[in-house]
């Protein structure tokens, strides 16, 4: 653009800059993965924690399923590790299995109770432990085992109940086996914690082998 100025003696031509032309948008860009937008949006929004989006150009994010979780801006959900679980959709973190329970594999929605004869005293566990000899556990989902009572025994690991000592034998609490009554003593009943000394003038007549 130019302007012509006339004077009595001279002709002036003044050049002026051309006004800038503004160009409108000719297309819209897709939102990247892990983001979404509504119609007529000017910015894309990151997916919130507990959700994800693996596709471009999305209008929403997807809740993580049970057994998985995510942080904000995720393109995929992460499986809960062994020893943890996620029981809700849209989780932002997984929870540790409590004592008396476990999860052996990843991606679980629930924990499993320890079976009878086993226990687990720690949280976030991937297995349970057999009760040691001298102990037992009748219930499931327990954090410890119970010592066999006096007069009974638990011969091996993983016992779900104690067994009474037979007549002629005895045991203290927590025993893995019963003990024979010593010479000069006896026990006519089963399930006893001690033997009885023979009275003066008496002799034990037999010994249970």
N, C-alpha and C. Protein backbone atom coordinates (compact mmCIF):
# COMPACT_ATOMS: atom_id res chain seq x y z
N UNK A 1 0.86 -1.18 0.00
CA UNK A 1 0.00 0.00 0.00
C UNK A 1 0.90 1.23 0.00
N UNK A 2 0.46 2.28 -0.74
CA UNK A 2 1.24 3.51 -0.76
C UNK A 2 0.30 4.70 -0.80
N UNK A 3 0.85 5.88 -0.44
CA UNK A 3 0.09 7.14 -0.46
C UNK A 3 0.88 8.16 -1.27
N UNK A 4 0.21 8.89 -2.17
CA UNK A 4 0.84 9.92 -2.99
C UNK A 4 0.50 11.29 -2.42
N UNK A 5 1.54 12.06 -2.14
CA UNK A 5 1.36 13.43 -1.65
C UNK A 5 1.90 14.40 -2.71
N UNK A 6 1.13 15.43 -2.99
CA UNK A 6 1.52 16.44 -3.98
C UNK A 6 1.84 17.74 -3.29
N UNK A 7 2.90 18.36 -3.71
CA UNK A 7 3.21 19.72 -3.25
C UNK A 7 3.47 20.59 -4.50
N UNK A 8 3.73 21.84 -4.30
CA UNK A 8 3.95 22.74 -5.44
C UNK A 8 5.19 22.39 -6.23
N UNK A 9 6.13 21.73 -5.57
CA UNK A 9 7.39 21.46 -6.26
C UNK A 9 7.72 19.97 -6.35
N UNK A 10 7.21 19.21 -5.43
CA UNK A 10 7.64 17.81 -5.37
C UNK A 10 6.44 16.86 -5.33
N UNK A 11 6.73 15.65 -5.75
CA UNK A 11 5.76 14.55 -5.65
C UNK A 11 6.32 13.51 -4.69
N UNK A 12 5.60 13.24 -3.61
CA UNK A 12 6.07 12.28 -2.60
C UNK A 12 5.24 11.00 -2.69
N UNK A 13 5.94 9.88 -2.65
CA UNK A 13 5.28 8.56 -2.58
C UNK A 13 5.71 7.89 -1.29
N UNK A 14 4.79 7.66 -0.43
CA UNK A 14 5.09 7.04 0.88
C UNK A 14 4.57 5.60 0.85
N UNK A 15 5.48 4.66 1.07
CA UNK A 15 5.10 3.24 1.12
C UNK A 15 4.69 2.88 2.53
N UNK A 16 3.58 2.26 2.68
CA UNK A 16 3.08 1.80 3.99
C UNK A 16 3.09 0.28 4.03
N UNK A 17 3.35 -0.32 5.23
CA UNK A 17 3.32 -1.79 5.32
C UNK A 17 1.92 -2.32 5.04
N UNK A 18 1.92 -3.50 4.41
CA UNK A 18 0.63 -4.15 4.10
C UNK A 18 0.03 -4.73 5.37
N UNK A 19 -1.23 -4.50 5.64
CA UNK A 19 -1.83 -5.07 6.88
C UNK A 19 -1.72 -6.59 6.89
N UNK A 20 -1.39 -7.13 8.11
CA UNK A 20 -1.26 -8.59 8.25
C UNK A 20 -2.63 -9.26 8.07
N UNK A 21 -2.64 -10.36 7.33
CA UNK A 21 -3.86 -11.15 7.16
C UNK A 21 -3.88 -12.25 8.22
N UNK A 22 -4.95 -12.43 8.94
CA UNK A 22 -5.08 -13.50 9.93
C UNK A 22 -5.72 -14.71 9.28
N UNK A 23 -5.10 -15.88 9.55
CA UNK A 23 -5.59 -17.11 8.94
C UNK A 23 -6.35 -17.92 9.98
N UNK A 24 -7.55 -18.35 9.76
CA UNK A 24 -8.31 -19.19 10.67
C UNK A 24 -7.84 -20.63 10.59
N UNK A 25 -8.19 -21.44 11.64
CA UNK A 25 -7.81 -22.85 11.67
C UNK A 25 -8.50 -23.60 10.55
N UNK A 26 -7.73 -24.42 9.87
CA UNK A 26 -8.29 -25.17 8.75
C UNK A 26 -8.64 -26.61 9.16
N UNK A 27 -8.15 -27.06 10.35
CA UNK A 27 -8.52 -28.39 10.85
C UNK A 27 -8.30 -28.45 12.35
N UNK A 28 -8.76 -29.50 12.99
CA UNK A 28 -8.57 -29.72 14.42
C UNK A 28 -7.60 -30.88 14.62
N UNK A 29 -6.84 -30.82 15.71
CA UNK A 29 -5.88 -31.87 16.00
C UNK A 29 -6.45 -32.86 17.02
N UNK A 30 -6.11 -34.12 16.87
CA UNK A 30 -6.55 -35.13 17.83
C UNK A 30 -5.82 -34.97 19.16
N UNK A 31 -6.54 -35.19 20.24
CA UNK A 31 -5.88 -35.26 21.55
C UNK A 31 -4.99 -36.50 21.56
N UNK A 32 -3.85 -36.39 22.23
CA UNK A 32 -2.92 -37.51 22.32
C UNK A 32 -3.47 -38.61 23.23
N UNK A 33 -2.80 -39.75 23.25
CA UNK A 33 -3.17 -40.81 24.20
C UNK A 33 -3.04 -40.27 25.62
N UNK A 34 -3.81 -40.84 26.53
CA UNK A 34 -3.84 -40.43 27.94
C UNK A 34 -4.52 -39.08 28.14
N UNK A 35 -5.17 -38.56 27.07
CA UNK A 35 -5.89 -37.30 27.17
C UNK A 35 -7.23 -37.41 26.45
N UNK A 36 -8.10 -36.40 26.70
CA UNK A 36 -9.41 -36.37 26.06
C UNK A 36 -9.88 -34.92 26.00
N UNK A 37 -10.97 -34.70 25.25
CA UNK A 37 -11.58 -33.37 25.22
C UNK A 37 -13.05 -33.48 24.87
N UNK A 38 -13.80 -32.45 25.27
CA UNK A 38 -15.20 -32.34 24.89
C UNK A 38 -15.28 -31.55 23.57
N UNK A 39 -16.49 -31.41 23.03
CA UNK A 39 -16.67 -30.66 21.80
C UNK A 39 -16.30 -29.19 22.00
N UNK A 40 -15.73 -28.58 20.98
CA UNK A 40 -15.35 -27.16 20.97
C UNK A 40 -14.29 -26.82 22.00
N UNK A 41 -13.55 -27.83 22.48
CA UNK A 41 -12.52 -27.59 23.49
C UNK A 41 -11.30 -26.93 22.87
N UNK A 42 -10.61 -26.14 23.67
CA UNK A 42 -9.38 -25.49 23.20
C UNK A 42 -8.14 -26.19 23.75
N UNK A 43 -8.32 -27.06 24.74
CA UNK A 43 -7.20 -27.83 25.30
C UNK A 43 -7.64 -29.27 25.55
N UNK A 44 -6.67 -30.17 25.57
CA UNK A 44 -6.94 -31.57 25.93
C UNK A 44 -6.66 -31.76 27.42
N UNK A 45 -7.41 -32.63 28.05
CA UNK A 45 -7.31 -32.86 29.50
C UNK A 45 -6.71 -34.24 29.75
N UNK A 46 -5.74 -34.29 30.67
CA UNK A 46 -5.13 -35.58 31.02
C UNK A 46 -6.12 -36.46 31.76
N UNK A 47 -6.06 -37.76 31.52
CA UNK A 47 -6.90 -38.71 32.24
C UNK A 47 -6.57 -38.67 33.73
N UNK A 48 -7.59 -38.74 34.56
CA UNK A 48 -7.40 -38.71 36.01
C UNK A 48 -6.85 -40.05 36.50
N UNK A 49 -6.26 -40.04 37.68
CA UNK A 49 -5.80 -41.29 38.29
C UNK A 49 -6.97 -42.26 38.41
N UNK A 50 -6.71 -43.53 38.15
CA UNK A 50 -7.77 -44.54 38.16
C UNK A 50 -8.42 -44.74 36.81
N UNK A 51 -8.00 -43.96 35.82
CA UNK A 51 -8.52 -44.09 34.46
C UNK A 51 -7.35 -44.12 33.47
N UNK A 52 -7.66 -44.41 32.21
CA UNK A 52 -6.63 -44.44 31.16
C UNK A 52 -7.26 -44.21 29.81
N UNK A 53 -6.42 -43.95 28.83
CA UNK A 53 -6.88 -43.86 27.45
C UNK A 53 -5.71 -44.19 26.53
N UNK A 54 -5.87 -45.25 25.74
CA UNK A 54 -4.80 -45.71 24.86
C UNK A 54 -4.94 -45.20 23.44
N UNK A 55 -6.10 -44.59 23.12
CA UNK A 55 -6.35 -44.13 21.75
C UNK A 55 -6.20 -42.61 21.66
N UNK A 56 -5.90 -42.12 20.46
CA UNK A 56 -5.86 -40.67 20.21
C UNK A 56 -7.26 -40.19 19.84
N UNK A 57 -7.48 -38.88 20.00
CA UNK A 57 -8.76 -38.30 19.60
C UNK A 57 -9.94 -38.76 20.43
N UNK A 58 -9.73 -38.99 21.71
CA UNK A 58 -10.79 -39.55 22.56
C UNK A 58 -11.61 -38.45 23.24
N UNK A 59 -12.85 -38.77 23.53
CA UNK A 59 -13.76 -37.84 24.21
C UNK A 59 -13.92 -38.17 25.68
N UNK A 60 -13.30 -39.23 26.15
CA UNK A 60 -13.38 -39.60 27.57
C UNK A 60 -12.26 -40.59 27.88
N UNK A 61 -12.09 -40.85 29.17
CA UNK A 61 -11.13 -41.86 29.62
C UNK A 61 -11.90 -43.06 30.16
N UNK A 62 -11.20 -44.17 30.34
CA UNK A 62 -11.82 -45.43 30.74
C UNK A 62 -11.37 -45.80 32.15
N UNK A 63 -12.31 -46.22 33.00
CA UNK A 63 -11.96 -46.65 34.35
C UNK A 63 -11.10 -47.91 34.31
N UNK A 64 -10.10 -47.97 35.18
CA UNK A 64 -9.33 -49.20 35.35
C UNK A 64 -10.24 -50.28 35.94
N UNK A 65 -10.08 -51.50 35.51
CA UNK A 65 -10.89 -52.59 36.02
C UNK A 65 -10.40 -53.08 37.38
N UNK A 66 -11.14 -53.98 38.00
CA UNK A 66 -10.71 -54.56 39.27
C UNK A 66 -9.38 -55.28 39.09
N UNK A 67 -8.57 -55.21 40.12
CA UNK A 67 -7.25 -55.85 40.05
C UNK A 67 -6.21 -55.01 39.36
N UNK A 68 -6.57 -53.76 38.97
CA UNK A 68 -5.63 -52.86 38.32
C UNK A 68 -5.77 -51.46 38.90
N UNK A 69 -4.81 -50.57 38.56
CA UNK A 69 -4.83 -49.18 39.02
C UNK A 69 -4.04 -48.32 38.05
N UNK A 70 -4.12 -47.01 38.22
CA UNK A 70 -3.30 -46.12 37.40
C UNK A 70 -3.09 -44.79 38.11
N UNK A 71 -1.99 -44.14 37.75
CA UNK A 71 -1.76 -42.75 38.13
C UNK A 71 -2.39 -41.86 37.06
N UNK A 72 -2.37 -40.54 37.28
CA UNK A 72 -2.93 -39.62 36.30
C UNK A 72 -2.12 -39.66 35.00
N UNK A 73 -2.81 -39.46 33.88
CA UNK A 73 -2.14 -39.41 32.58
C UNK A 73 -1.65 -40.75 32.09
N UNK A 74 -2.41 -41.80 32.33
CA UNK A 74 -1.97 -43.15 31.96
C UNK A 74 -2.55 -43.57 30.61
N UNK A 75 -1.74 -44.32 29.87
CA UNK A 75 -2.22 -44.92 28.63
C UNK A 75 -2.70 -46.35 28.84
N UNK A 76 -2.42 -46.90 30.02
CA UNK A 76 -2.87 -48.26 30.37
C UNK A 76 -2.87 -48.37 31.89
N UNK A 77 -3.60 -49.35 32.40
CA UNK A 77 -3.65 -49.61 33.84
C UNK A 77 -2.60 -50.66 34.20
N UNK A 78 -2.17 -50.63 35.44
CA UNK A 78 -1.15 -51.55 35.94
C UNK A 78 -1.78 -52.59 36.84
N UNK A 79 -1.41 -53.85 36.67
CA UNK A 79 -1.96 -54.92 37.50
C UNK A 79 -1.45 -54.80 38.93
N UNK A 80 -2.33 -55.07 39.88
CA UNK A 80 -1.91 -55.10 41.28
C UNK A 80 -0.88 -56.22 41.45
N UNK A 81 0.16 -55.95 42.22
CA UNK A 81 1.22 -56.93 42.42
C UNK A 81 0.74 -58.09 43.28
N UNK A 82 1.43 -59.21 43.21
CA UNK A 82 1.14 -60.34 44.09
C UNK A 82 1.23 -59.86 45.54
N UNK A 83 0.30 -60.31 46.36
CA UNK A 83 0.24 -59.86 47.75
C UNK A 83 -0.65 -58.66 47.95
N UNK A 84 -1.15 -58.09 46.84
CA UNK A 84 -2.06 -56.94 46.91
C UNK A 84 -3.28 -57.23 46.05
N UNK A 85 -4.32 -56.39 46.21
CA UNK A 85 -5.55 -56.58 45.44
C UNK A 85 -6.22 -55.24 45.19
N UNK A 86 -7.13 -55.23 44.21
CA UNK A 86 -7.94 -54.05 43.91
C UNK A 86 -9.36 -54.48 43.66
N UNK A 87 -10.24 -54.24 44.62
CA UNK A 87 -11.61 -54.74 44.52
C UNK A 87 -12.56 -53.80 43.81
N UNK A 88 -12.13 -52.55 43.55
CA UNK A 88 -13.01 -51.56 42.94
C UNK A 88 -12.50 -51.16 41.56
N UNK A 89 -13.44 -50.76 40.68
CA UNK A 89 -13.04 -50.17 39.40
C UNK A 89 -12.58 -48.74 39.65
N UNK A 90 -11.70 -48.24 38.81
CA UNK A 90 -11.23 -46.87 38.95
C UNK A 90 -10.29 -46.67 40.12
N UNK A 91 -9.53 -47.68 40.49
CA UNK A 91 -8.64 -47.57 41.64
C UNK A 91 -7.37 -46.80 41.29
N UNK A 92 -6.90 -46.02 42.27
CA UNK A 92 -5.65 -45.27 42.10
C UNK A 92 -4.48 -45.98 42.78
N UNK A 93 -4.76 -47.02 43.54
CA UNK A 93 -3.72 -47.81 44.22
C UNK A 93 -4.32 -49.15 44.61
N UNK A 94 -3.46 -50.11 44.92
CA UNK A 94 -3.91 -51.43 45.38
C UNK A 94 -3.73 -51.54 46.88
N UNK A 95 -4.46 -52.44 47.51
CA UNK A 95 -4.40 -52.64 48.95
C UNK A 95 -3.65 -53.93 49.27
N UNK A 96 -2.96 -53.92 50.40
CA UNK A 96 -2.21 -55.11 50.82
C UNK A 96 -3.16 -56.14 51.42
N UNK A 97 -2.91 -57.41 51.14
CA UNK A 97 -3.66 -58.47 51.80
C UNK A 97 -3.37 -58.41 53.31
N UNK A 98 -4.38 -58.64 54.12
CA UNK A 98 -4.22 -58.60 55.57
C UNK A 98 -3.61 -59.90 56.08
N UNK A 99 -3.24 -59.91 57.35
CA UNK A 99 -2.75 -61.15 57.95
C UNK A 99 -3.82 -62.23 57.83
N UNK A 100 -3.39 -63.46 57.69
CA UNK A 100 -4.33 -64.56 57.52
C UNK A 100 -4.80 -64.76 56.10
N UNK A 101 -4.25 -63.98 55.17
CA UNK A 101 -4.66 -64.10 53.76
C UNK A 101 -3.45 -63.87 52.85
N UNK A 102 -3.65 -64.14 51.56
CA UNK A 102 -2.55 -64.01 50.59
C UNK A 102 -3.10 -63.90 49.19
N UNK A 103 -2.25 -63.49 48.25
CA UNK A 103 -2.52 -63.55 46.81
C UNK A 103 -1.22 -63.96 46.13
N UNK A 104 -1.26 -65.05 45.41
CA UNK A 104 -0.04 -65.60 44.81
C UNK A 104 0.32 -64.94 43.48
N UNK A 105 -0.67 -64.40 42.77
CA UNK A 105 -0.41 -63.85 41.43
C UNK A 105 -0.83 -62.39 41.36
N UNK A 106 -0.45 -61.73 40.29
CA UNK A 106 -0.78 -60.32 40.11
C UNK A 106 -2.17 -60.17 39.50
N UNK A 107 -2.73 -58.95 39.63
CA UNK A 107 -4.01 -58.65 39.00
C UNK A 107 -5.22 -59.22 39.71
N UNK A 108 -5.14 -59.40 41.01
CA UNK A 108 -6.26 -60.01 41.74
C UNK A 108 -7.20 -58.95 42.29
N UNK A 109 -8.49 -59.29 42.32
CA UNK A 109 -9.51 -58.40 42.89
C UNK A 109 -9.77 -58.71 44.36
N UNK A 110 -9.34 -59.86 44.85
CA UNK A 110 -9.55 -60.25 46.24
C UNK A 110 -8.34 -61.03 46.75
N UNK A 111 -8.26 -61.16 48.08
CA UNK A 111 -7.25 -62.01 48.69
C UNK A 111 -7.88 -63.34 49.08
N UNK A 112 -7.05 -64.33 49.30
CA UNK A 112 -7.51 -65.69 49.63
C UNK A 112 -7.16 -65.97 51.09
N UNK A 113 -8.12 -66.47 51.85
CA UNK A 113 -7.85 -66.83 53.24
C UNK A 113 -6.93 -68.05 53.32
N UNK A 114 -6.02 -68.01 54.26
CA UNK A 114 -5.19 -69.20 54.52
C UNK A 114 -6.10 -70.35 54.95
N UNK A 115 -5.78 -71.55 54.50
CA UNK A 115 -6.60 -72.71 54.83
C UNK A 115 -6.34 -73.22 56.24
N UNK A 116 -7.20 -74.11 56.70
CA UNK A 116 -6.99 -74.76 57.99
C UNK A 116 -5.64 -75.48 57.98
N UNK A 117 -4.94 -75.42 59.10
CA UNK A 117 -3.62 -76.04 59.17
C UNK A 117 -2.50 -75.11 58.73
N UNK A 118 -2.86 -73.90 58.29
CA UNK A 118 -1.87 -72.92 57.85
C UNK A 118 -2.16 -71.57 58.49
N UNK A 119 -1.22 -70.62 58.33
CA UNK A 119 -1.39 -69.28 58.87
C UNK A 119 -0.52 -68.30 58.10
N UNK A 120 -0.74 -67.01 58.33
CA UNK A 120 0.13 -65.97 57.79
C UNK A 120 0.10 -64.77 58.72
N UNK A 121 1.22 -64.45 59.31
CA UNK A 121 1.28 -63.37 60.30
C UNK A 121 1.64 -62.02 59.69
N UNK A 122 2.01 -62.02 58.40
CA UNK A 122 2.42 -60.78 57.74
C UNK A 122 1.36 -60.31 56.75
N UNK A 123 1.36 -59.02 56.47
CA UNK A 123 0.51 -58.47 55.42
C UNK A 123 1.24 -58.55 54.08
N UNK A 124 0.50 -58.32 52.99
CA UNK A 124 1.07 -58.30 51.63
C UNK A 124 1.80 -59.62 51.32
N UNK A 125 1.19 -60.73 51.69
CA UNK A 125 1.84 -62.03 51.53
C UNK A 125 1.38 -62.72 50.25
N UNK A 126 2.26 -63.56 49.73
CA UNK A 126 1.97 -64.32 48.52
C UNK A 126 1.71 -65.79 48.78
N UNK A 127 1.78 -66.22 50.03
CA UNK A 127 1.51 -67.62 50.39
C UNK A 127 1.26 -67.70 51.88
N UNK A 128 0.80 -68.87 52.33
CA UNK A 128 0.60 -69.14 53.75
C UNK A 128 1.62 -70.16 54.23
N UNK A 129 1.74 -70.30 55.53
CA UNK A 129 2.75 -71.17 56.13
C UNK A 129 2.06 -72.30 56.89
N UNK A 130 2.55 -73.51 56.74
CA UNK A 130 2.01 -74.64 57.51
C UNK A 130 2.29 -74.46 59.00
N UNK A 131 1.32 -74.80 59.82
CA UNK A 131 1.57 -74.84 61.26
C UNK A 131 2.68 -75.86 61.53
N UNK A 132 3.61 -75.52 62.39
CA UNK A 132 4.71 -76.43 62.70
C UNK A 132 4.22 -77.57 63.59
N UNK A 133 4.99 -78.64 63.67
CA UNK A 133 4.62 -79.75 64.55
C UNK A 133 4.49 -79.23 65.98
N UNK A 134 3.54 -79.76 66.71
CA UNK A 134 3.25 -79.27 68.05
C UNK A 134 2.20 -78.18 68.07
N UNK A 135 1.74 -77.76 66.86
CA UNK A 135 0.70 -76.74 66.75
C UNK A 135 -0.34 -77.16 65.72
N UNK A 136 -1.49 -76.50 65.75
CA UNK A 136 -2.57 -76.81 64.80
C UNK A 136 -3.41 -75.56 64.59
N UNK A 137 -4.26 -75.62 63.56
CA UNK A 137 -5.22 -74.54 63.31
C UNK A 137 -6.45 -75.12 62.64
N UNK A 138 -7.57 -75.01 63.31
CA UNK A 138 -8.81 -75.58 62.79
C UNK A 138 -9.54 -74.64 61.83
N UNK A 139 -9.29 -73.34 61.95
CA UNK A 139 -10.04 -72.33 61.18
C UNK A 139 -9.24 -71.84 59.99
N UNK A 140 -9.92 -71.12 59.10
CA UNK A 140 -9.27 -70.48 57.96
C UNK A 140 -9.03 -69.00 58.24
N UNK A 141 -8.10 -68.41 57.50
CA UNK A 141 -7.87 -66.97 57.60
C UNK A 141 -7.25 -66.53 58.90
N UNK A 142 -6.34 -67.31 59.46
CA UNK A 142 -5.76 -67.00 60.76
C UNK A 142 -4.31 -66.52 60.62
N UNK A 143 -3.91 -65.68 61.60
CA UNK A 143 -2.57 -65.11 61.60
C UNK A 143 -1.58 -65.92 62.43
N UNK A 144 -2.05 -66.96 63.12
CA UNK A 144 -1.16 -67.79 63.94
C UNK A 144 -1.78 -69.15 64.14
N UNK A 145 -0.99 -70.06 64.69
CA UNK A 145 -1.47 -71.41 65.01
C UNK A 145 -1.59 -71.55 66.53
N UNK A 146 -2.27 -72.58 66.96
CA UNK A 146 -2.50 -72.84 68.37
C UNK A 146 -1.64 -74.01 68.83
N UNK A 147 -1.00 -73.85 69.98
CA UNK A 147 -0.20 -74.96 70.52
C UNK A 147 -1.11 -76.11 70.93
N UNK A 148 -0.68 -77.32 70.64
CA UNK A 148 -1.44 -78.48 71.10
C UNK A 148 -1.52 -78.45 72.63
N UNK A 149 -2.66 -78.73 73.20
CA UNK A 149 -2.79 -78.66 74.66
C UNK A 149 -2.04 -79.81 75.35
N UNK A 150 -1.79 -79.62 76.62
CA UNK A 150 -1.19 -80.71 77.40
C UNK A 150 -2.09 -81.93 77.34
N UNK A 151 -1.49 -83.09 77.21
CA UNK A 151 -2.26 -84.33 77.07
C UNK A 151 -2.57 -84.68 75.63
N UNK A 152 -2.11 -83.84 74.69
CA UNK A 152 -2.34 -84.08 73.26
C UNK A 152 -1.04 -83.83 72.50
N UNK A 153 -1.05 -84.15 71.22
CA UNK A 153 0.15 -83.95 70.41
C UNK A 153 -0.24 -83.64 68.97
N UNK A 154 0.68 -83.03 68.24
CA UNK A 154 0.54 -82.74 66.81
C UNK A 154 1.83 -83.22 66.15
N UNK A 155 1.75 -84.37 65.54
CA UNK A 155 2.97 -85.07 65.11
C UNK A 155 3.68 -84.41 63.93
N UNK A 156 2.94 -83.77 63.02
CA UNK A 156 3.56 -83.23 61.81
C UNK A 156 3.07 -81.81 61.57
N UNK A 157 3.64 -81.16 60.57
CA UNK A 157 3.24 -79.80 60.24
C UNK A 157 1.91 -79.80 59.50
N UNK A 158 1.23 -78.65 59.52
CA UNK A 158 -0.03 -78.51 58.79
C UNK A 158 -1.21 -79.21 59.43
N UNK A 159 -1.18 -79.42 60.73
CA UNK A 159 -2.27 -80.14 61.40
C UNK A 159 -3.48 -79.22 61.60
N UNK A 160 -4.66 -79.81 61.42
CA UNK A 160 -5.91 -79.07 61.62
C UNK A 160 -6.55 -79.36 62.96
N UNK A 161 -5.99 -80.32 63.71
CA UNK A 161 -6.51 -80.66 65.04
C UNK A 161 -5.42 -81.40 65.80
N UNK A 162 -5.54 -81.42 67.12
CA UNK A 162 -4.61 -82.18 67.95
C UNK A 162 -5.18 -83.56 68.23
N UNK A 163 -4.32 -84.49 68.60
CA UNK A 163 -4.74 -85.85 68.95
C UNK A 163 -4.39 -86.12 70.40
N UNK A 164 -5.30 -86.78 71.12
CA UNK A 164 -5.07 -87.06 72.55
C UNK A 164 -4.03 -88.16 72.72
N UNK A 165 -3.20 -87.99 73.73
CA UNK A 165 -2.25 -89.06 74.08
C UNK A 165 -3.03 -90.27 74.59
N UNK A 166 -2.64 -91.48 74.21
CA UNK A 166 -3.35 -92.67 74.70
C UNK A 166 -2.99 -92.95 76.16
N UNK A 167 -3.75 -93.84 76.77
CA UNK A 167 -3.45 -94.28 78.14
C UNK A 167 -2.02 -94.82 78.20
N UNK A 168 -1.33 -94.51 79.29
CA UNK A 168 0.05 -94.95 79.43
C UNK A 168 1.04 -93.93 78.90
N UNK A 169 0.54 -92.83 78.36
CA UNK A 169 1.39 -91.76 77.82
C UNK A 169 0.91 -90.41 78.36
N UNK A 170 1.74 -89.41 78.21
CA UNK A 170 1.38 -88.04 78.62
C UNK A 170 2.15 -87.05 77.74
N UNK A 171 1.76 -85.78 77.84
CA UNK A 171 2.50 -84.73 77.12
C UNK A 171 2.27 -83.38 77.77
N UNK A 172 3.25 -82.50 77.60
CA UNK A 172 3.08 -81.11 77.96
C UNK A 172 2.47 -80.37 76.76
N UNK A 173 2.10 -79.11 76.94
CA UNK A 173 1.54 -78.31 75.85
C UNK A 173 2.57 -78.13 74.74
N UNK A 174 2.10 -78.12 73.49
CA UNK A 174 2.98 -77.90 72.36
C UNK A 174 3.82 -79.09 71.97
N UNK A 175 3.39 -80.28 72.33
CA UNK A 175 4.20 -81.47 72.06
C UNK A 175 3.94 -82.01 70.66
N UNK A 176 5.01 -82.51 70.03
CA UNK A 176 4.89 -83.17 68.74
C UNK A 176 4.68 -84.67 68.90
N UNK A 177 4.89 -85.18 70.12
CA UNK A 177 4.67 -86.61 70.40
C UNK A 177 4.38 -86.77 71.89
N UNK A 178 3.88 -87.92 72.25
CA UNK A 178 3.59 -88.22 73.66
C UNK A 178 4.75 -89.01 74.27
N UNK A 179 4.86 -88.93 75.57
CA UNK A 179 5.95 -89.59 76.29
C UNK A 179 5.37 -90.73 77.13
N UNK A 180 6.06 -91.88 77.11
CA UNK A 180 5.60 -93.02 77.90
C UNK A 180 5.77 -92.73 79.39
N UNK A 181 4.85 -93.24 80.16
CA UNK A 181 4.99 -93.12 81.61
C UNK A 181 6.25 -93.87 82.05
N UNK A 182 7.01 -93.25 82.93
CA UNK A 182 8.27 -93.84 83.38
C UNK A 182 8.00 -95.02 84.32
N UNK A 183 9.06 -95.79 84.58
CA UNK A 183 8.95 -96.92 85.51
C UNK A 183 8.46 -96.42 86.87
N UNK A 184 7.54 -97.12 87.45
CA UNK A 184 6.98 -96.74 88.75
C UNK A 184 5.84 -95.75 88.66
N UNK A 185 5.43 -95.40 87.44
CA UNK A 185 4.30 -94.49 87.24
C UNK A 185 3.32 -95.11 86.26
N UNK A 186 2.14 -94.55 86.21
CA UNK A 186 1.11 -95.08 85.30
C UNK A 186 0.14 -93.97 84.93
N UNK A 187 -0.65 -94.24 83.90
CA UNK A 187 -1.74 -93.35 83.49
C UNK A 187 -2.78 -94.18 82.77
N UNK A 188 -3.91 -94.34 83.45
CA UNK A 188 -4.96 -95.19 82.89
C UNK A 188 -5.88 -94.48 81.92
N UNK A 189 -5.80 -93.19 81.85
CA UNK A 189 -6.70 -92.43 80.96
C UNK A 189 -5.93 -91.85 79.77
N UNK A 190 -6.66 -91.53 78.73
CA UNK A 190 -6.05 -90.86 77.57
C UNK A 190 -6.14 -89.35 77.75
N UNK A 191 -5.29 -88.64 77.03
CA UNK A 191 -5.35 -87.19 77.04
C UNK A 191 -4.89 -86.55 78.33
N UNK A 192 -3.91 -87.13 78.99
CA UNK A 192 -3.44 -86.60 80.27
C UNK A 192 -2.07 -85.94 80.14
N UNK A 193 -1.84 -84.98 81.06
CA UNK A 193 -0.61 -84.19 81.01
C UNK A 193 0.50 -84.76 81.88
N UNK A 194 0.22 -85.82 82.64
CA UNK A 194 1.26 -86.39 83.52
C UNK A 194 0.88 -87.82 83.87
N UNK A 195 1.81 -88.50 84.47
CA UNK A 195 1.56 -89.85 84.96
C UNK A 195 1.52 -89.82 86.49
N UNK A 196 0.98 -90.88 87.05
CA UNK A 196 0.82 -90.96 88.51
C UNK A 196 1.75 -92.03 89.07
N UNK A 197 2.38 -91.70 90.18
CA UNK A 197 3.29 -92.68 90.81
C UNK A 197 2.50 -93.81 91.45
N UNK A 198 3.03 -95.00 91.31
CA UNK A 198 2.41 -96.15 91.97
C UNK A 198 2.54 -95.98 93.50
N UNK A 199 1.51 -96.37 94.20
CA UNK A 199 1.53 -96.27 95.66
C UNK A 199 2.48 -97.31 96.26
N UNK A 200 2.86 -97.06 97.50
CA UNK A 200 3.69 -98.04 98.20
C UNK A 200 2.99 -99.39 98.22
N UNK A 201 3.72 -100.43 97.95
CA UNK A 201 3.14 -101.77 97.92
C UNK A 201 2.55 -102.14 96.59
N UNK A 202 2.65 -101.22 95.60
CA UNK A 202 2.11 -101.50 94.27
C UNK A 202 3.24 -101.52 93.24
N UNK A 203 2.99 -102.19 92.16
CA UNK A 203 3.94 -102.27 91.07
C UNK A 203 3.17 -102.12 89.77
N UNK A 204 3.69 -101.32 88.88
CA UNK A 204 3.02 -101.19 87.59
C UNK A 204 3.06 -102.53 86.89
N UNK A 205 1.91 -103.00 86.44
CA UNK A 205 1.83 -104.35 85.92
C UNK A 205 2.15 -104.46 84.44
N UNK A 206 2.00 -103.35 83.69
CA UNK A 206 2.28 -103.43 82.24
C UNK A 206 2.71 -102.07 81.74
N UNK A 207 3.30 -102.09 80.57
CA UNK A 207 3.76 -100.86 79.93
C UNK A 207 3.29 -100.89 78.49
N UNK A 208 2.62 -99.82 78.11
CA UNK A 208 2.11 -99.73 76.73
C UNK A 208 3.25 -99.36 75.81
N UNK A 209 3.47 -100.13 74.80
CA UNK A 209 4.58 -99.88 73.86
C UNK A 209 4.05 -99.14 72.65
